[in-house]
Amino acid sequence: MADILSQNEIDQLLQALHDGSADAFMGESAIETRVKPYDFRTANRIPRDQIKTLHIIYETFAHLLSTYLTGTLGATCDTSVAYIEEQTYSEFSNSLPPNSTLAILETKPLEAPVLLRLSPELAYMILECLLGGLDTVSDIHRNFTEIDLVILEKIIRQILPLFDESWSKVLSVSSRLDGLETSVQFAQIVAPNETVAIITLSVRIGAQEGQVNICLPQMALEPIAKILNTRLLNAGHSSRQTNESDQETMLAMIRMTPVPMRAILA
């Protein structure tokens, strides 16, 4: 049970309230909790609704990428959206190892370049599968050869139509490869302090895991902000309509299916 105030303490408290000095009776910790540090440079600038829409877009891309890699590599591939986060471009670029595969994309009508990155683990898994190597990657720290880069560039060019298709329910986009780099120093698509959305896909090929990162600058999302905010509900509505249409088609096919019947009378 809390201590009971004496009459003298009650009188002092009432007097403090009357004088406007009641803060003197508050503990320092209570005062400190009112103030929270806030860094305007790292303030969230991409609304949550846009993040949700991006999640839907890249779930579609993950599904298409799984199908493509499984068919191309001849190995079971599972791809999913791991997370989406907001960072500055410098935070993202500083976290990358020196031998990443960095594809600089010009994606119209977006008004800033997009960066698509294959982690070293994923890039070398792809090379091992295509060149008849082992199902494990022994050294992800070696530099890519010219042949490696030619193969990876071809793979990325084949992925771009899947990238565009994943956006199709929200916005019609057209992407082309503007450059392929292995050092982030040569892939400065925006200013270091520019806000970017980082979409990370987890890719599992057999027992090995890698990542695909898509870096979308906030300046590229600003002109289509209204579309990203409103198409979320429309995409869900369209999906429900598609499901209903599929059900009707399936029922029609079932009705037309011949079923042999035989009656046995006792």
C-alpha atoms as a PDB file:
ATOM      1  CA  MET A   1       0.000   0.000   0.000  1.00  0.00           C
ATOM      2  CA  ALA A   2       1.306   3.470  -0.868  1.00  0.00           C
ATOM      3  CA  ASP A   3       2.335   5.774   1.974  1.00  0.00           C
ATOM      4  CA  ILE A   4      -0.481   8.000   3.233  1.00  0.00           C
ATOM      5  CA  LEU A   5       0.240  11.725   2.951  1.00  0.00           C
ATOM      6  CA  SER A   6       0.270  13.698   6.136  1.00  0.00           C
ATOM      7  CA  GLN A   7      -1.859  16.808   6.462  1.00  0.00           C
ATOM      8  CA  ASN A   8       1.279  18.955   6.177  1.00  0.00           C
ATOM      9  CA  GLU A   9       2.266  17.245   2.892  1.00  0.00           C
ATOM     10  CA  ILE A  10      -1.253  17.709   1.553  1.00  0.00           C
ATOM     11  CA  ASP A  11      -1.117  21.416   2.391  1.00  0.00           C
ATOM     12  CA  GLN A  12       2.271  21.755   0.628  1.00  0.00           C
ATOM     13  CA  LEU A  13       0.939  19.998  -2.466  1.00  0.00           C
ATOM     14  CA  LEU A  14      -2.142  22.211  -2.639  1.00  0.00           C
ATOM     15  CA  GLN A  15       0.024  25.286  -2.215  1.00  0.00           C
ATOM     16  CA  ALA A  16       2.343  24.113  -5.010  1.00  0.00           C
ATOM     17  CA  LEU A  17      -0.616  23.602  -7.329  1.00  0.00           C
ATOM     18  CA  HIS A  18      -1.852  27.069  -6.497  1.00  0.00           C
ATOM     19  CA  ASP A  19       1.598  28.597  -7.135  1.00  0.00           C
ATOM     20  CA  GLY A  20       2.120  26.661 -10.385  1.00  0.00           C
ATOM     21  CA  SER A  21       5.196  24.891  -9.041  1.00  0.00           C
ATOM     22  CA  ALA A  22       3.782  21.374  -8.826  1.00  0.00           C
ATOM     23  CA  ASP A  23       6.582  20.083 -11.052  1.00  0.00           C
ATOM     24  CA  ALA A  24       8.827  20.268  -8.008  1.00  0.00           C
ATOM     25  CA  PHE A  25       6.934  17.304  -6.580  1.00  0.00           C
ATOM     26  CA  MET A  26       7.388  15.195  -9.689  1.00  0.00           C
ATOM     27  CA  GLY A  27      10.266  12.772  -9.916  1.00  0.00           C
ATOM     28  CA  GLU A  28      13.030  13.452 -12.401  1.00  0.00           C
ATOM     29  CA  SER A  29      12.280  10.221 -14.264  1.00  0.00           C
ATOM     30  CA  ALA A  30       8.666  11.255 -14.816  1.00  0.00           C
ATOM     31  CA  ILE A  31       9.808  14.554 -16.321  1.00  0.00           C
ATOM     32  CA  GLU A  32      12.429  12.911 -18.504  1.00  0.00           C
ATOM     33  CA  THR A  33       9.923  10.467 -20.007  1.00  0.00           C
ATOM     34  CA  ARG A  34       8.039  13.395 -21.533  1.00  0.00           C
ATOM     35  CA  VAL A  35      10.946  14.156 -23.865  1.00  0.00           C
ATOM     36  CA  LYS A  36      11.951  11.678 -26.558  1.00  0.00           C
ATOM     37  CA  PRO A  37      14.888  12.224 -28.910  1.00  0.00           C
ATOM     38  CA  TYR A  38      13.761  12.734 -32.510  1.00  0.00           C
ATOM     39  CA  ASP A  39      16.074  12.808 -35.501  1.00  0.00           C
ATOM     40  CA  PHE A  40      14.395  14.577 -38.419  1.00  0.00           C
ATOM     41  CA  ARG A  41      16.926  13.057 -40.821  1.00  0.00           C
ATOM     42  CA  THR A  42      15.611   9.558 -40.096  1.00  0.00           C
ATOM     43  CA  ALA A  43      11.915  10.375 -39.885  1.00  0.00           C
ATOM     44  CA  ASN A  44       9.636   7.907 -41.656  1.00  0.00           C
ATOM     45  CA  ARG A  45       8.704   9.452 -44.998  1.00  0.00           C
ATOM     46  CA  ILE A  46       7.067   6.484 -46.716  1.00  0.00           C
ATOM     47  CA  PRO A  47       3.492   5.960 -45.442  1.00  0.00           C
ATOM     48  CA  ARG A  48       2.431   2.575 -44.118  1.00  0.00           C
ATOM     49  CA  ASP A  49      -0.211   2.151 -46.843  1.00  0.00           C
ATOM     50  CA  GLN A  50       2.485   2.436 -49.496  1.00  0.00           C
ATOM     51  CA  ILE A  51       4.605  -0.157 -47.689  1.00  0.00           C
ATOM     52  CA  LYS A  52       1.618  -2.542 -47.685  1.00  0.00           C
ATOM     53  CA  THR A  53       1.105  -2.037 -51.410  1.00  0.00           C
ATOM     54  CA  LEU A  54       4.804  -2.644 -52.077  1.00  0.00           C
ATOM     55  CA  HIS A  55       4.530  -5.853 -50.056  1.00  0.00           C
ATOM     56  CA  ILE A  56       1.704  -7.061 -52.317  1.00  0.00           C
ATOM     57  CA  ILE A  57       3.664  -6.121 -55.453  1.00  0.00           C
ATOM     58  CA  TYR A  58       6.796  -7.961 -54.403  1.00  0.00           C
ATOM     59  CA  GLU A  59       4.938 -11.008 -53.124  1.00  0.00           C
ATOM     60  CA  THR A  60       3.864 -11.397 -56.754  1.00  0.00           C
ATOM     61  CA  PHE A  61       7.455 -10.845 -57.901  1.00  0.00           C
ATOM     62  CA  ALA A  62       8.700 -13.459 -55.410  1.00  0.00           C
ATOM     63  CA  HIS A  63       6.243 -16.024 -56.800  1.00  0.00           C
ATOM     64  CA  LEU A  64       7.242 -15.282 -60.413  1.00  0.00           C
ATOM     65  CA  LEU A  65      10.935 -15.391 -59.516  1.00  0.00           C
ATOM     66  CA  SER A  66      10.540 -18.789 -57.816  1.00  0.00           C
ATOM     67  CA  THR A  67       8.935 -20.235 -60.937  1.00  0.00           C
ATOM     68  CA  TYR A  68      11.603 -18.742 -63.218  1.00  0.00           C
ATOM     69  CA  LEU A  69      14.594 -19.897 -61.146  1.00  0.00           C
ATOM     70  CA  THR A  70      13.166 -23.396 -60.687  1.00  0.00           C
ATOM     71  CA  GLY A  71      12.781 -23.804 -64.445  1.00  0.00           C
ATOM     72  CA  THR A  72      16.087 -22.158 -65.372  1.00  0.00           C
ATOM     73  CA  LEU A  73      18.330 -23.766 -62.764  1.00  0.00           C
ATOM     74  CA  GLY A  74      16.670 -27.170 -62.652  1.00  0.00           C
ATOM     75  CA  ALA A  75      16.528 -26.976 -58.863  1.00  0.00           C
ATOM     76  CA  THR A  76      13.708 -26.348 -56.432  1.00  0.00           C
ATOM     77  CA  CYS A  77      13.577 -22.672 -55.518  1.00  0.00           C
ATOM     78  CA  ASP A  78      11.480 -20.960 -52.861  1.00  0.00           C
ATOM     79  CA  THR A  79      11.290 -17.159 -52.713  1.00  0.00           C
ATOM     80  CA  SER A  80       9.387 -14.969 -50.249  1.00  0.00           C
ATOM     81  CA  VAL A  81       9.306 -11.370 -49.020  1.00  0.00           C
ATOM     82  CA  ALA A  82      11.423 -11.306 -45.865  1.00  0.00           C
ATOM     83  CA  TYR A  83      10.825  -7.667 -44.893  1.00  0.00           C
ATOM     84  CA  ILE A  84      10.471  -4.115 -46.173  1.00  0.00           C
ATOM     85  CA  GLU A  85      12.188  -1.266 -44.362  1.00  0.00           C
ATOM     86  CA  GLU A  86      12.949   2.403 -44.791  1.00  0.00           C
ATOM     87  CA  GLN A  87      16.564   3.604 -44.707  1.00  0.00           C
ATOM     88  CA  THR A  88      18.800   6.279 -46.113  1.00  0.00           C
ATOM     89  CA  TYR A  89      20.742   5.236 -49.185  1.00  0.00           C
ATOM     90  CA  SER A  90      24.028   5.550 -47.293  1.00  0.00           C
ATOM     91  CA  GLU A  91      22.789   3.119 -44.612  1.00  0.00           C
ATOM     92  CA  PHE A  92      21.846   0.618 -47.286  1.00  0.00           C
ATOM     93  CA  SER A  93      25.018   0.977 -49.355  1.00  0.00           C
ATOM     94  CA  ASN A  94      27.322   0.809 -46.316  1.00  0.00           C
ATOM     95  CA  SER A  95      25.780  -2.532 -45.313  1.00  0.00           C
ATOM     96  CA  LEU A  96      26.641  -4.230 -48.628  1.00  0.00           C
ATOM     97  CA  PRO A  97      29.670  -6.494 -49.123  1.00  0.00           C
ATOM     98  CA  PRO A  98      32.157  -5.494 -51.847  1.00  0.00           C
ATOM     99  CA  ASN A  99      31.220  -8.246 -54.344  1.00  0.00           C
ATOM    100  CA  SER A 100      27.464  -7.815 -54.678  1.00  0.00           C
ATOM    101  CA  THR A 101      25.755  -7.956 -58.062  1.00  0.00           C
ATOM    102  CA  LEU A 102      24.133  -4.529 -58.494  1.00  0.00           C
ATOM    103  CA  ALA A 103      21.795  -3.961 -61.427  1.00  0.00           C
ATOM    104  CA  ILE A 104      20.894  -0.317 -62.063  1.00  0.00           C
ATOM    105  CA  LEU A 105      17.443  -0.173 -63.633  1.00  0.00           C
ATOM    106  CA  GLU A 106      15.679   2.574 -65.511  1.00  0.00           C
ATOM    107  CA  THR A 107      12.034   1.898 -64.725  1.00  0.00           C
ATOM    108  CA  LYS A 108       9.585   4.173 -66.504  1.00  0.00           C
ATOM    109  CA  PRO A 109       7.530   6.093 -65.435  1.00  0.00           C
ATOM    110  CA  LEU A 110       9.399   6.166 -62.089  1.00  0.00           C
ATOM    111  CA  GLU A 111      11.464   9.338 -61.861  1.00  0.00           C
ATOM    112  CA  ALA A 112      14.559   7.822 -60.246  1.00  0.00           C
ATOM    113  CA  PRO A 113      16.697   4.740 -60.908  1.00  0.00           C
ATOM    114  CA  VAL A 114      15.939   1.476 -59.118  1.00  0.00           C
ATOM    115  CA  LEU A 115      18.638  -0.823 -57.773  1.00  0.00           C
ATOM    116  CA  LEU A 116      18.236  -4.602 -57.883  1.00  0.00           C
ATOM    117  CA  ARG A 117      20.865  -6.524 -55.926  1.00  0.00           C
ATOM    118  CA  LEU A 118      21.739 -10.216 -55.864  1.00  0.00           C
ATOM    119  CA  SER A 119      23.630 -11.271 -52.750  1.00  0.00           C
ATOM    120  CA  PRO A 120      26.963 -13.079 -53.344  1.00  0.00           C
ATOM    121  CA  GLU A 121      25.420 -16.298 -52.000  1.00  0.00           C
ATOM    122  CA  LEU A 122      22.595 -16.167 -54.553  1.00  0.00           C
ATOM    123  CA  ALA A 123      24.805 -15.088 -57.462  1.00  0.00           C
ATOM    124  CA  TYR A 124      27.251 -17.941 -56.915  1.00  0.00           C
ATOM    125  CA  MET A 125      24.423 -20.456 -56.407  1.00  0.00           C
ATOM    126  CA  ILE A 126      23.027 -19.444 -59.808  1.00  0.00           C
ATOM    127  CA  LEU A 127      26.460 -19.790 -61.420  1.00  0.00           C
ATOM    128  CA  GLU A 128      27.070 -23.191 -59.818  1.00  0.00           C
ATOM    129  CA  CYS A 129      23.728 -24.532 -61.050  1.00  0.00           C
ATOM    130  CA  LEU A 130      24.127 -23.202 -64.595  1.00  0.00           C
ATOM    131  CA  LEU A 131      27.748 -24.322 -64.997  1.00  0.00           C
ATOM    132  CA  GLY A 132      27.234 -27.830 -63.631  1.00  0.00           C
ATOM    133  CA  GLY A 133      29.004 -27.243 -60.345  1.00  0.00           C
ATOM    134  CA  LEU A 134      28.268 -28.493 -56.863  1.00  0.00           C
ATOM    135  CA  ASP A 135      25.028 -27.790 -55.032  1.00  0.00           C
ATOM    136  CA  THR A 136      26.963 -25.817 -52.423  1.00  0.00           C
ATOM    137  CA  VAL A 137      28.915 -22.560 -52.677  1.00  0.00           C
ATOM    138  CA  SER A 138      32.448 -22.858 -51.340  1.00  0.00           C
ATOM    139  CA  ASP A 139      33.811 -19.329 -51.775  1.00  0.00           C
ATOM    140  CA  ILE A 140      31.569 -16.268 -51.936  1.00  0.00           C
ATOM    141  CA  HIS A 141      34.419 -13.809 -51.418  1.00  0.00           C
ATOM    142  CA  ARG A 142      36.239 -14.309 -54.721  1.00  0.00           C
ATOM    143  CA  ASN A 143      35.821 -11.707 -57.455  1.00  0.00           C
ATOM    144  CA  PHE A 144      33.476 -12.355 -60.364  1.00  0.00           C
ATOM    145  CA  THR A 145      35.093 -13.259 -63.678  1.00  0.00           C
ATOM    146  CA  GLU A 146      34.040 -11.727 -66.997  1.00  0.00           C
ATOM    147  CA  ILE A 147      32.178 -14.940 -67.841  1.00  0.00           C
ATOM    148  CA  ASP A 148      30.375 -14.804 -64.481  1.00  0.00           C
ATOM    149  CA  LEU A 149      29.186 -11.261 -65.157  1.00  0.00           C
ATOM    150  CA  VAL A 150      27.981 -12.099 -68.680  1.00  0.00           C
ATOM    151  CA  ILE A 151      25.877 -14.966 -67.277  1.00  0.00           C
ATOM    152  CA  LEU A 152      24.489 -12.882 -64.409  1.00  0.00           C
ATOM    153  CA  GLU A 153      23.631 -10.021 -66.773  1.00  0.00           C
ATOM    154  CA  LYS A 154      21.663 -12.438 -68.961  1.00  0.00           C
ATOM    155  CA  ILE A 155      19.777 -13.748 -65.907  1.00  0.00           C
ATOM    156  CA  ILE A 156      18.914 -10.220 -64.760  1.00  0.00           C
ATOM    157  CA  ARG A 157      17.666  -9.250 -68.228  1.00  0.00           C
ATOM    158  CA  GLN A 158      15.365 -12.276 -68.135  1.00  0.00           C
ATOM    159  CA  ILE A 159      14.129 -11.280 -64.666  1.00  0.00           C
ATOM    160  CA  LEU A 160      13.137  -7.746 -65.705  1.00  0.00           C
ATOM    161  CA  PRO A 161       9.852  -8.751 -67.419  1.00  0.00           C
ATOM    162  CA  LEU A 162       8.870 -10.490 -64.166  1.00  0.00           C
ATOM    163  CA  PHE A 163       9.711  -7.292 -62.286  1.00  0.00           C
ATOM    164  CA  ASP A 164       7.439  -5.297 -64.601  1.00  0.00           C
ATOM    165  CA  GLU A 165       4.652  -7.889 -64.432  1.00  0.00           C
ATOM    166  CA  SER A 166       4.585  -7.733 -60.635  1.00  0.00           C
ATOM    167  CA  TRP A 167       3.708  -4.015 -60.902  1.00  0.00           C
ATOM    168  CA  SER A 168       1.033  -4.512 -63.570  1.00  0.00           C
ATOM    169  CA  LYS A 169      -1.998  -4.517 -61.231  1.00  0.00           C
ATOM    170  CA  VAL A 170      -0.898  -1.198 -59.743  1.00  0.00           C
ATOM    171  CA  LEU A 171       0.985   0.622 -62.497  1.00  0.00           C
ATOM    172  CA  SER A 172       2.245  -0.180 -65.979  1.00  0.00           C
ATOM    173  CA  VAL A 173       6.054   0.027 -65.836  1.00  0.00           C
ATOM    174  CA  SER A 174       8.825  -0.766 -68.291  1.00  0.00           C
ATOM    175  CA  SER A 175      12.330  -1.553 -67.036  1.00  0.00           C
ATOM    176  CA  ARG A 176      15.658  -1.791 -68.804  1.00  0.00           C
ATOM    177  CA  LEU A 177      19.124  -2.586 -67.497  1.00  0.00           C
ATOM    178  CA  ASP A 178      21.156   0.622 -67.373  1.00  0.00           C
ATOM    179  CA  GLY A 179      24.302  -0.873 -65.851  1.00  0.00           C
ATOM    180  CA  LEU A 180      25.731  -3.800 -63.893  1.00  0.00           C
ATOM    181  CA  GLU A 181      28.216  -3.158 -61.102  1.00  0.00           C
ATOM    182  CA  THR A 182      29.921  -5.216 -58.406  1.00  0.00           C
ATOM    183  CA  SER A 183      30.965  -2.278 -56.225  1.00  0.00           C
ATOM    184  CA  VAL A 184      28.465  -0.002 -54.540  1.00  0.00           C
ATOM    185  CA  GLN A 185      30.825   2.935 -55.138  1.00  0.00           C
ATOM    186  CA  PHE A 186      29.807   2.842 -58.797  1.00  0.00           C
ATOM    187  CA  ALA A 187      26.099   2.413 -58.079  1.00  0.00           C
ATOM    188  CA  GLN A 188      25.223   5.728 -56.432  1.00  0.00           C
ATOM    189  CA  ILE A 189      21.701   6.040 -57.809  1.00  0.00           C
ATOM    190  CA  VAL A 190      20.676   8.823 -55.383  1.00  0.00           C
ATOM    191  CA  ALA A 191      22.250  11.125 -52.796  1.00  0.00           C
ATOM    192  CA  PRO A 192      23.530   9.377 -49.629  1.00  0.00           C
ATOM    193  CA  ASN A 193      20.902  11.030 -47.394  1.00  0.00           C
ATOM    194  CA  GLU A 194      17.980  10.215 -49.720  1.00  0.00           C
ATOM    195  CA  THR A 195      15.258   8.044 -48.181  1.00  0.00           C
ATOM    196  CA  VAL A 196      14.793   4.655 -49.855  1.00  0.00           C
ATOM    197  CA  ALA A 197      12.509   1.651 -49.400  1.00  0.00           C
ATOM    198  CA  ILE A 198      14.450  -1.611 -49.218  1.00  0.00           C
ATOM    199  CA  ILE A 199      12.521  -4.745 -50.175  1.00  0.00           C
ATOM    200  CA  THR A 200      14.375  -7.907 -49.157  1.00  0.00           C
ATOM    201  CA  LEU A 201      13.453 -11.259 -50.685  1.00  0.00           C
ATOM    202  CA  SER A 202      14.703 -14.497 -49.173  1.00  0.00           C
ATOM    203  CA  VAL A 203      15.687 -17.053 -51.832  1.00  0.00           C
ATOM    204  CA  ARG A 204      16.281 -20.709 -51.003  1.00  0.00           C
ATOM    205  CA  ILE A 205      17.730 -23.008 -53.655  1.00  0.00           C
ATOM    206  CA  GLY A 206      18.019 -26.518 -52.288  1.00  0.00           C
ATOM    207  CA  ALA A 207      19.719 -26.193 -48.913  1.00  0.00           C
ATOM    208  CA  GLN A 208      21.360 -22.852 -49.728  1.00  0.00           C
ATOM    209  CA  GLU A 209      19.968 -19.381 -48.987  1.00  0.00           C
ATOM    210  CA  GLY A 210      20.531 -16.000 -50.567  1.00  0.00           C
ATOM    211  CA  GLN A 211      18.819 -12.641 -50.947  1.00  0.00           C
ATOM    212  CA  VAL A 212      17.474 -10.257 -53.529  1.00  0.00           C
ATOM    213  CA  ASN A 213      17.234  -6.591 -52.524  1.00  0.00           C
ATOM    214  CA  ILE A 214      15.235  -3.957 -54.388  1.00  0.00           C
ATOM    215  CA  CYS A 215      16.109  -0.360 -53.540  1.00  0.00           C
ATOM    216  CA  LEU A 216      13.320   2.109 -54.402  1.00  0.00           C
ATOM    217  CA  PRO A 217      14.172   5.792 -53.815  1.00  0.00           C
ATOM    218  CA  GLN A 218      11.466   7.806 -52.120  1.00  0.00           C
ATOM    219  CA  MET A 219      11.671  10.376 -54.925  1.00  0.00           C
ATOM    220  CA  ALA A 220      10.618   7.612 -57.330  1.00  0.00           C
ATOM    221  CA  LEU A 221       7.559   6.800 -55.217  1.00  0.00           C
ATOM    222  CA  GLU A 222       6.397  10.389 -54.624  1.00  0.00           C
ATOM    223  CA  PRO A 223       4.773  10.944 -58.068  1.00  0.00           C
ATOM    224  CA  ILE A 224       2.782   7.692 -57.755  1.00  0.00           C
ATOM    225  CA  ALA A 225       1.945   8.058 -54.060  1.00  0.00           C
ATOM    226  CA  LYS A 226      -1.802   8.362 -54.667  1.00  0.00           C
ATOM    227  CA  ILE A 227      -1.792   5.253 -56.824  1.00  0.00           C
ATOM    228  CA  LEU A 228       0.075   3.256 -54.185  1.00  0.00           C
ATOM    229  CA  ASN A 229      -2.370   4.406 -51.516  1.00  0.00           C
ATOM    230  CA  THR A 230      -5.590   3.728 -53.430  1.00  0.00           C
ATOM    231  CA  ARG A 231      -4.750   0.638 -55.454  1.00  0.00           C
ATOM    232  CA  LEU A 232      -4.288  -1.486 -52.326  1.00  0.00           C
ATOM    233  CA  LEU A 233      -8.033  -1.860 -51.844  1.00  0.00           C
ATOM    234  CA  ASN A 234      -8.631  -2.127 -55.585  1.00  0.00           C
ATOM    235  CA  ALA A 235      -6.092  -4.941 -55.829  1.00  0.00           C
ATOM    236  CA  GLY A 236      -7.910  -6.835 -53.091  1.00  0.00           C
ATOM    237  CA  HIS A 237     -11.246  -6.264 -54.818  1.00  0.00           C
ATOM    238  CA  SER A 238      -9.803  -7.407 -58.153  1.00  0.00           C
ATOM    239  CA  SER A 239      -8.415 -10.512 -56.478  1.00  0.00           C
ATOM    240  CA  ARG A 240     -11.829 -11.374 -55.050  1.00  0.00           C
ATOM    241  CA  GLN A 241     -13.426 -10.894 -58.480  1.00  0.00           C
ATOM    242  CA  THR A 242     -10.792 -13.158 -60.040  1.00  0.00           C
ATOM    243  CA  ASN A 243     -11.422 -15.843 -57.431  1.00  0.00           C
ATOM    244  CA  GLU A 244     -15.186 -15.700 -58.063  1.00  0.00           C
ATOM    245  CA  SER A 245     -14.604 -15.960 -61.818  1.00  0.00           C
ATOM    246  CA  ASP A 246     -12.308 -18.941 -61.329  1.00  0.00           C
ATOM    247  CA  GLN A 247     -14.919 -20.667 -59.175  1.00  0.00           C
ATOM    248  CA  GLU A 248     -17.621 -20.148 -61.803  1.00  0.00           C
ATOM    249  CA  THR A 249     -15.344 -21.550 -64.527  1.00  0.00           C
ATOM    250  CA  MET A 250     -14.510 -24.558 -62.395  1.00  0.00           C
ATOM    251  CA  LEU A 251     -18.183 -25.251 -61.632  1.00  0.00           C
ATOM    252  CA  ALA A 252     -19.052 -25.008 -65.339  1.00  0.00           C
ATOM    253  CA  MET A 253     -16.358 -27.548 -66.175  1.00  0.00           C
ATOM    254  CA  ILE A 254     -17.565 -29.886 -63.429  1.00  0.00           C
ATOM    255  CA  ARG A 255     -21.136 -29.694 -64.741  1.00  0.00           C
ATOM    256  CA  MET A 256     -19.923 -30.711 -68.206  1.00  0.00           C
ATOM    257  CA  THR A 257     -17.859 -33.635 -66.934  1.00  0.00           C
ATOM    258  CA  PRO A 258     -19.433 -37.012 -67.835  1.00  0.00           C
ATOM    259  CA  VAL A 259     -19.917 -39.208 -64.787  1.00  0.00           C
ATOM    260  CA  PRO A 260     -20.858 -42.880 -65.376  1.00  0.00           C
ATOM    261  CA  MET A 261     -23.653 -44.061 -63.112  1.00  0.00           C
ATOM    262  CA  ARG A 262     -25.032 -47.565 -62.576  1.00  0.00           C
ATOM    263  CA  ALA A 263     -28.115 -48.484 -60.599  1.00  0.00           C
ATOM    264  CA  ILE A 264     -28.418 -51.934 -59.047  1.00  0.00           C
ATOM    265  CA  LEU A 265     -31.902 -53.052 -58.121  1.00  0.00           C
ATOM    266  CA  ALA A 266     -32.211 -55.747 -55.484  1.00  0.00           C
END
